[in-house]
Amino acid sequence: MPDRRTRSTAARSSSPIIGLAAGIIYLLSSINLSDDSSL
């Protein structure tokens, strides 16, 4: 899975704050996708 490698590498090279921000964006995007699919 290239996504896991990218996440682990980014988490190691960058500060954990960036990882949290990425997680929040991912959650928001997933929620938006679910809302769009429901509509």
PDB file of N, CA and C in Angstrom:
ATOM      1  N   MET A   1       0.846  -1.204   0.000  1.00  0.00           N
ATOM      2  CA  MET A   1       0.000   0.000   0.000  1.00  0.00           C
ATOM      3  C   MET A   1       0.881   1.254   0.000  1.00  0.00           C
ATOM      4  N   PRO A   2       0.947   1.984  -1.108  1.00  0.00           N
ATOM      5  CA  PRO A   2       1.765   3.199  -1.176  1.00  0.00           C
ATOM      6  C   PRO A   2       1.287   4.271  -0.208  1.00  0.00           C
ATOM      7  N   ASP A   3      -0.027   4.276   0.087  1.00  0.00           N
ATOM      8  CA  ASP A   3      -0.562   5.293   1.001  1.00  0.00           C
ATOM      9  C   ASP A   3       0.057   5.133   2.384  1.00  0.00           C
ATOM     10  N   ARG A   4       0.175   3.873   2.857  1.00  0.00           N
ATOM     11  CA  ARG A   4       0.743   3.661   4.195  1.00  0.00           C
ATOM     12  C   ARG A   4       2.193   4.120   4.227  1.00  0.00           C
ATOM     13  N   ARG A   5       2.934   3.832   3.172  1.00  0.00           N
ATOM     14  CA  ARG A   5       4.339   4.247   3.140  1.00  0.00           C
ATOM     15  C   ARG A   5       4.435   5.764   3.176  1.00  0.00           C
ATOM     16  N   THR A   6       3.582   6.431   2.414  1.00  0.00           N
ATOM     17  CA  THR A   6       3.615   7.894   2.390  1.00  0.00           C
ATOM     18  C   THR A   6       3.267   8.454   3.759  1.00  0.00           C
ATOM     19  N   ARG A   7       2.251   7.881   4.388  1.00  0.00           N
ATOM     20  CA  ARG A   7       1.842   8.374   5.709  1.00  0.00           C
ATOM     21  C   ARG A   7       2.963   8.195   6.718  1.00  0.00           C
ATOM     22  N   SER A   8       3.548   6.993   6.759  1.00  0.00           N
ATOM     23  CA  SER A   8       4.602   6.722   7.741  1.00  0.00           C
ATOM     24  C   SER A   8       5.798   7.636   7.499  1.00  0.00           C
ATOM     25  N   THR A   9       6.175   7.801   6.236  1.00  0.00           N
ATOM     26  CA  THR A   9       7.322   8.661   5.915  1.00  0.00           C
ATOM     27  C   THR A   9       7.024  10.107   6.301  1.00  0.00           C
ATOM     28  N   ALA A  10       5.839  10.581   5.987  1.00  0.00           N
ATOM     29  CA  ALA A  10       5.480  11.969   6.314  1.00  0.00           C
ATOM     30  C   ALA A  10       5.436  12.153   7.830  1.00  0.00           C
ATOM     31  N   ALA A  11       4.898  11.159   8.519  1.00  0.00           N
ATOM     32  CA  ALA A  11       4.802  11.263   9.977  1.00  0.00           C
ATOM     33  C   ALA A  11       6.193  11.314  10.599  1.00  0.00           C
ATOM     34  N   ARG A  12       7.129  10.547  10.036  1.00  0.00           N
ATOM     35  CA  ARG A  12       8.480  10.519  10.607  1.00  0.00           C
ATOM     36  C   ARG A  12       9.232  11.810  10.292  1.00  0.00           C
ATOM     37  N   SER A  13       9.098  12.302   9.058  1.00  0.00           N
ATOM     38  CA  SER A  13       9.870  13.478   8.645  1.00  0.00           C
ATOM     39  C   SER A  13       9.216  14.776   9.133  1.00  0.00           C
ATOM     40  N   SER A  14       7.892  14.769   9.282  1.00  0.00           N
ATOM     41  CA  SER A  14       7.222  16.009   9.693  1.00  0.00           C
ATOM     42  C   SER A  14       6.758  15.921  11.136  1.00  0.00           C
ATOM     43  N   SER A  15       6.254  17.026  11.625  1.00  0.00           N
ATOM     44  CA  SER A  15       5.759  17.066  12.993  1.00  0.00           C
ATOM     45  C   SER A  15       4.420  16.341  13.079  1.00  0.00           C
ATOM     46  N   PRO A  16       4.057  15.818  14.242  1.00  0.00           N
ATOM     47  CA  PRO A  16       2.791  15.089  14.395  1.00  0.00           C
ATOM     48  C   PRO A  16       1.578  15.960  14.110  1.00  0.00           C
ATOM     49  N   ILE A  17       1.746  17.275  14.208  1.00  0.00           N
ATOM     50  CA  ILE A  17       0.615  18.174  13.949  1.00  0.00           C
ATOM     51  C   ILE A  17       0.139  18.003  12.508  1.00  0.00           C
ATOM     52  N   ILE A  18       1.087  17.854  11.587  1.00  0.00           N
ATOM     53  CA  ILE A  18       0.723  17.677  10.173  1.00  0.00           C
ATOM     54  C   ILE A  18      -0.058  16.376  10.014  1.00  0.00           C
ATOM     55  N   GLY A  19       0.351  15.351  10.739  1.00  0.00           N
ATOM     56  CA  GLY A  19      -0.355  14.071  10.678  1.00  0.00           C
ATOM     57  C   GLY A  19      -1.787  14.226  11.170  1.00  0.00           C
ATOM     58  N   LEU A  20      -1.967  14.959  12.262  1.00  0.00           N
ATOM     59  CA  LEU A  20      -3.310  15.189  12.793  1.00  0.00           C
ATOM     60  C   LEU A  20      -4.148  15.964  11.787  1.00  0.00           C
ATOM     61  N   ALA A  21      -3.546  16.993  11.187  1.00  0.00           N
ATOM     62  CA  ALA A  21      -4.266  17.792  10.196  1.00  0.00           C
ATOM     63  C   ALA A  21      -4.696  16.916   9.027  1.00  0.00           C
ATOM     64  N   ALA A  22      -3.797  16.050   8.572  1.00  0.00           N
ATOM     65  CA  ALA A  22      -4.132  15.161   7.456  1.00  0.00           C
ATOM     66  C   ALA A  22      -5.273  14.241   7.850  1.00  0.00           C
ATOM     67  N   GLY A  23      -5.255  13.730   9.067  1.00  0.00           N
ATOM     68  CA  GLY A  23      -6.327  12.851   9.537  1.00  0.00           C
ATOM     69  C   GLY A  23      -7.659  13.585   9.580  1.00  0.00           C
ATOM     70  N   ILE A  24      -7.638  14.822  10.064  1.00  0.00           N
ATOM     71  CA  ILE A  24      -8.879  15.611  10.135  1.00  0.00           C
ATOM     72  C   ILE A  24      -9.414  15.861   8.729  1.00  0.00           C
ATOM     73  N   ILE A  25      -8.527  16.224   7.807  1.00  0.00           N
ATOM     74  CA  ILE A  25      -8.955  16.469   6.421  1.00  0.00           C
ATOM     75  C   ILE A  25      -9.545  15.201   5.829  1.00  0.00           C
ATOM     76  N   TYR A  26      -8.916  14.053   6.130  1.00  0.00           N
ATOM     77  CA  TYR A  26      -9.413  12.777   5.601  1.00  0.00           C
ATOM     78  C   TYR A  26     -10.806  12.491   6.156  1.00  0.00           C
ATOM     79  N   LEU A  27     -11.005  12.746   7.457  1.00  0.00           N
ATOM     80  CA  LEU A  27     -12.318  12.512   8.067  1.00  0.00           C
ATOM     81  C   LEU A  27     -13.357  13.444   7.449  1.00  0.00           C
ATOM     82  N   LEU A  28     -12.992  14.719   7.288  1.00  0.00           N
ATOM     83  CA  LEU A  28     -13.935  15.681   6.707  1.00  0.00           C
ATOM     84  C   LEU A  28     -14.291  15.277   5.278  1.00  0.00           C
ATOM     85  N   SER A  29     -13.300  14.857   4.507  1.00  0.00           N
ATOM     86  CA  SER A  29     -13.551  14.468   3.116  1.00  0.00           C
ATOM     87  C   SER A  29     -14.446  13.234   3.079  1.00  0.00           C
ATOM     88  N   SER A  30     -14.212  12.281   3.991  1.00  0.00           N
ATOM     89  CA  SER A  30     -15.032  11.069   4.007  1.00  0.00           C
ATOM     90  C   SER A  30     -16.471  11.421   4.376  1.00  0.00           C
ATOM     91  N   ILE A  31     -16.638  12.353   5.312  1.00  0.00           N
ATOM     92  CA  ILE A  31     -17.991  12.771   5.702  1.00  0.00           C
ATOM     93  C   ILE A  31     -18.682  13.458   4.527  1.00  0.00           C
ATOM     94  N   ASN A  32     -17.938  14.317   3.832  1.00  0.00           N
ATOM     95  CA  ASN A  32     -18.508  15.012   2.678  1.00  0.00           C
ATOM     96  C   ASN A  32     -18.907  14.011   1.604  1.00  0.00           C
ATOM     97  N   LEU A  33     -18.090  12.997   1.394  1.00  0.00           N
ATOM     98  CA  LEU A  33     -18.400  11.991   0.377  1.00  0.00           C
ATOM     99  C   LEU A  33     -19.664  11.240   0.774  1.00  0.00           C
ATOM    100  N   SER A  34     -19.792  10.887   2.051  1.00  0.00           N
ATOM    101  CA  SER A  34     -20.970  10.151   2.495  1.00  0.00           C
ATOM    102  C   SER A  34     -22.216  11.017   2.339  1.00  0.00           C
ATOM    103  N   ASP A  35     -22.087  12.322   2.647  1.00  0.00           N
ATOM    104  CA  ASP A  35     -23.227  13.229   2.496  1.00  0.00           C
ATOM    105  C   ASP A  35     -23.623  13.336   1.024  1.00  0.00           C
ATOM    106  N   ASP A  36     -22.634  13.454   0.150  1.00  0.00           N
ATOM    107  CA  ASP A  36     -22.937  13.571  -1.279  1.00  0.00           C
ATOM    108  C   ASP A  36     -23.614  12.300  -1.783  1.00  0.00           C
ATOM    109  N   SER A  37     -23.136  11.140  -1.315  1.00  0.00           N
ATOM    110  CA  SER A  37     -23.709   9.874  -1.779  1.00  0.00           C
ATOM    111  C   SER A  37     -25.148   9.745  -1.287  1.00  0.00           C
ATOM    112  N   SER A  38     -25.413  10.232  -0.046  1.00  0.00           N
ATOM    113  CA  SER A  38     -26.768  10.136   0.493  1.00  0.00           C
ATOM    114  C   SER A  38     -27.709  11.034  -0.303  1.00  0.00           C
ATOM    115  N   LEU A  39     -27.189  12.201  -0.746  1.00  0.00           N
ATOM    116  CA  LEU A  39     -28.033  13.106  -1.525  1.00  0.00           C
ATOM    117  C   LEU A  39     -28.224  12.514  -2.919  1.00  0.00           C
TER     118      LEU A  39
END
